[in-house]
């Protein structure tokens, strides 16, 4: 089911605590936004929807900087700027 066809349900935290089964049923049809003092504070969704969201944000694999530099494919090209270390004083240690 596409997210645009899903129904968003709003419940207060009190309603959620009193009728968790209703919230779980509603989560089958779309996200359930739980409010606390009138402000959205939590979202309940099905595990299936959660796994879909996780897969969208998951990188294919973690690469080290050395691996990224060694990758000679044109699509692997990237710009890398070394961060400036401000306020860090480097001095040789005193060995007295």
Foldseek 3Di string as FASTA:
>chain_A
DDQVQADEAEEEVVRCVVCVVVLVVNQVRHWYFYHYPRHGDDIDHDVVVVVVVCVVPDDPDDDDPVVLVPDPDPVSDDDDDDDDDPPDDDDDDDDD
